[in-house]
């Protein structure tokens, strides 16, 4: 079987990462064709989640796999947060659009989300721990928010400078 073609991942501070994603009107063949490419891209980059925004597709689509074996992919189309725990925890986060950068972000420890799956069926997903963090992180991307925006302006500017420098050196 052919491997799905990988998609290029946008890198912070690319302004396209700040676009708000549109709801998906219909789960059709076009959307179903994007899903395996997003999953392949996420697995190839050793990520646990990828929002369509990160691959320059500005629609409300997320793929996630937090399993150890990397064999339990989840697809969330038009995810809506129904509930988030008041209890929050600060944890180290990284992002495929912010390579090599990890920092603490405070998130709800549990969430309930309603979303469509790849077949267009509505599902409620109750998540805690890593999955809850991942869902919140990826849903932020759909709203045009990158995790570094939770950090201080000083840290954010340092990260921006570091990534732009790495990009310039890679282009040489």
Protein backbone atom coordinates (compact mmCIF):
# COMPACT_ATOMS: atom_id res chain seq x y z
CA UNK A 1 0.00 0.00 0.00
CA UNK A 2 1.26 3.48 -0.81
CA UNK A 3 2.11 5.73 2.07
CA UNK A 4 -0.02 8.89 2.07
CA UNK A 5 1.83 11.98 0.91
CA UNK A 6 3.18 14.04 3.79
CA UNK A 7 2.03 17.63 4.26
CA UNK A 8 4.43 20.50 5.04
CA UNK A 9 4.06 21.71 8.64
CA UNK A 10 3.93 25.48 9.14
CA UNK A 11 6.51 26.78 11.59
CA UNK A 12 6.00 29.49 14.19
CA UNK A 13 5.99 32.52 13.71
CA UNK A 14 4.28 31.89 10.32
CA UNK A 15 1.22 34.20 10.31
CA UNK A 16 -0.95 31.43 8.79
CA UNK A 17 -0.82 29.69 12.18
CA UNK A 18 -3.01 32.52 13.50
CA UNK A 19 -5.88 31.98 11.05
CA UNK A 20 -9.12 30.82 12.66
CA UNK A 21 -10.30 27.56 11.08
CA UNK A 22 -13.73 27.33 9.38
CA UNK A 23 -16.23 24.66 10.37
CA UNK A 24 -16.38 21.72 7.96
CA UNK A 25 -19.80 21.74 6.27
CA UNK A 26 -19.72 18.12 5.16
CA UNK A 27 -17.50 15.11 5.88
CA UNK A 28 -16.95 14.16 2.26
CA UNK A 29 -14.26 12.44 0.18
CA UNK A 30 -12.12 15.59 0.17
CA UNK A 31 -11.99 15.63 3.98
CA UNK A 32 -11.53 11.85 4.18
CA UNK A 33 -8.55 12.19 1.79
CA UNK A 34 -6.87 14.77 4.06
CA UNK A 35 -7.10 12.61 7.21
CA UNK A 36 -4.55 9.87 6.26
CA UNK A 37 -2.13 12.55 5.03
CA UNK A 38 -2.43 14.41 8.34
CA UNK A 39 -1.96 11.19 10.33
CA UNK A 40 1.09 10.20 8.24
CA UNK A 41 2.54 13.70 8.70
CA UNK A 42 1.95 13.58 12.47
CA UNK A 43 3.49 10.10 12.84
CA UNK A 44 6.44 11.01 10.60
CA UNK A 45 7.17 14.06 12.78
CA UNK A 46 6.79 12.00 16.01
CA UNK A 47 3.85 14.10 17.13
CA UNK A 48 0.81 13.08 19.16
CA UNK A 49 -1.57 15.60 17.62
CA UNK A 50 -1.90 17.74 14.52
CA UNK A 51 -4.45 20.40 13.65
CA UNK A 52 -5.29 21.13 10.01
CA UNK A 53 -4.21 24.75 10.64
CA UNK A 54 -0.63 23.49 11.09
CA UNK A 55 -0.59 22.10 7.54
CA UNK A 56 -2.14 25.27 6.06
CA UNK A 57 -5.67 23.81 5.83
CA UNK A 58 -7.89 26.25 7.69
CA UNK A 59 -10.75 23.93 8.57
CA UNK A 60 -11.79 22.45 11.93
CA UNK A 61 -10.01 19.09 11.71
CA UNK A 62 -7.67 17.47 14.24
CA UNK A 63 -5.88 14.12 14.33
CA UNK A 64 -4.51 12.69 17.58
CA UNK A 65 -2.79 9.51 18.73
CA UNK A 66 -1.46 9.43 22.28
CA UNK A 67 -1.11 5.61 22.37
CA UNK A 68 2.29 4.07 23.11
CA UNK A 69 2.00 1.80 20.06
CA UNK A 70 0.95 4.70 17.78
CA UNK A 71 -2.01 2.66 16.53
CA UNK A 72 -5.07 4.40 18.01
CA UNK A 73 -5.66 7.41 15.78
CA UNK A 74 -8.53 9.73 16.63
CA UNK A 75 -10.15 12.13 14.20
CA UNK A 76 -12.01 15.16 15.53
CA UNK A 77 -14.00 17.19 13.00
CA UNK A 78 -15.61 20.46 14.17
CA UNK A 79 -14.67 19.76 17.83
CA UNK A 80 -16.57 21.76 20.45
CA UNK A 81 -15.56 21.92 24.07
CA UNK A 82 -18.59 20.93 26.18
CA UNK A 83 -16.88 20.92 29.57
CA UNK A 84 -13.46 21.48 31.11
CA UNK A 85 -12.47 20.68 34.70
CA UNK A 86 -11.82 23.58 37.03
CA UNK A 87 -8.75 21.68 38.20
CA UNK A 88 -5.77 22.71 36.13
CA UNK A 89 -2.21 21.44 35.95
CA UNK A 90 0.91 22.91 34.42
CA UNK A 91 2.72 20.51 32.11
CA UNK A 92 5.51 20.59 29.56
CA UNK A 93 4.20 21.07 26.04
CA UNK A 94 5.86 21.00 22.69
CA UNK A 95 4.48 21.55 19.21
CA UNK A 96 5.33 20.34 15.71
CA UNK A 97 5.04 23.98 14.56
CA UNK A 98 7.53 25.08 17.24
CA UNK A 99 10.25 22.43 16.85
CA UNK A 100 12.63 21.79 19.74
CA UNK A 101 10.83 24.13 22.15
CA UNK A 102 9.14 22.81 25.29
CA UNK A 103 7.62 24.87 28.09
CA UNK A 104 5.04 24.72 30.83
CA UNK A 105 1.41 25.48 30.00
CA UNK A 106 -1.52 25.31 32.42
CA UNK A 107 -4.48 23.29 31.12
CA UNK A 108 -7.63 21.69 32.49
CA UNK A 109 -6.88 18.12 33.63
CA UNK A 110 -10.08 16.75 32.06
CA UNK A 111 -12.35 17.79 29.18
CA UNK A 112 -15.42 16.62 27.32
CA UNK A 113 -15.55 17.41 23.62
CA UNK A 114 -18.20 16.73 20.99
CA UNK A 115 -16.91 16.16 17.46
CA UNK A 116 -17.63 14.31 14.25
CA UNK A 117 -15.51 11.29 13.37
CA UNK A 118 -14.17 10.41 9.91
CA UNK A 119 -17.57 8.91 9.02
CA UNK A 120 -19.42 12.08 10.01
CA UNK A 121 -20.88 10.56 13.21
CA UNK A 122 -21.17 12.80 16.26
CA UNK A 123 -19.32 11.53 19.33
CA UNK A 124 -18.66 12.78 22.83
CA UNK A 125 -15.09 12.23 23.99
CA UNK A 126 -14.22 12.37 27.66
CA UNK A 127 -10.51 12.79 28.15
CA UNK A 128 -8.06 13.32 30.96
CA UNK A 129 -4.31 13.51 31.32
CA UNK A 130 -2.25 13.61 28.14
CA UNK A 131 -5.25 13.19 25.83
CA UNK A 132 -7.06 16.13 27.48
CA UNK A 133 -3.96 18.31 27.13
CA UNK A 134 -3.50 17.27 23.50
CA UNK A 135 -7.14 18.03 22.63
CA UNK A 136 -6.92 21.49 24.24
CA UNK A 137 -3.59 22.21 22.49
CA UNK A 138 -4.92 21.20 19.05
CA UNK A 139 -8.23 23.05 19.55
CA UNK A 140 -6.16 26.17 20.29
CA UNK A 141 -4.59 25.79 16.84
CA UNK A 142 -8.06 25.84 15.26
CA UNK A 143 -8.60 29.19 16.99
CA UNK A 144 -5.30 30.50 15.62
CA UNK A 145 -3.44 30.17 18.91
CA UNK A 146 0.01 28.57 19.34
CA UNK A 147 1.07 27.31 22.80
CA UNK A 148 3.93 29.82 23.06
CA UNK A 149 1.27 32.54 23.37
CA UNK A 150 0.68 31.28 26.94
CA UNK A 151 4.29 32.16 27.76
CA UNK A 152 5.68 35.55 28.76
CA UNK A 153 6.41 38.05 25.95
CA UNK A 154 10.12 37.71 26.75
CA UNK A 155 10.10 33.91 26.32
CA UNK A 156 7.94 34.22 23.19
CA UNK A 157 10.38 36.66 21.60
CA UNK A 158 13.36 34.45 22.46
CA UNK A 159 11.60 31.48 20.82
CA UNK A 160 10.69 33.53 17.75
CA UNK A 161 14.29 34.75 17.38
CA UNK A 162 15.71 31.23 17.84
CA UNK A 163 13.34 29.69 15.25
CA UNK A 164 13.86 32.46 12.69
CA UNK A 165 17.65 32.09 13.09
CA UNK A 166 17.40 28.29 12.61
CA UNK A 167 15.26 28.84 9.50
CA UNK A 168 17.80 31.28 8.01
CA UNK A 169 20.66 28.84 8.69
CA UNK A 170 18.70 25.97 7.12
CA UNK A 171 18.05 28.08 4.01
CA UNK A 172 21.79 28.64 3.43
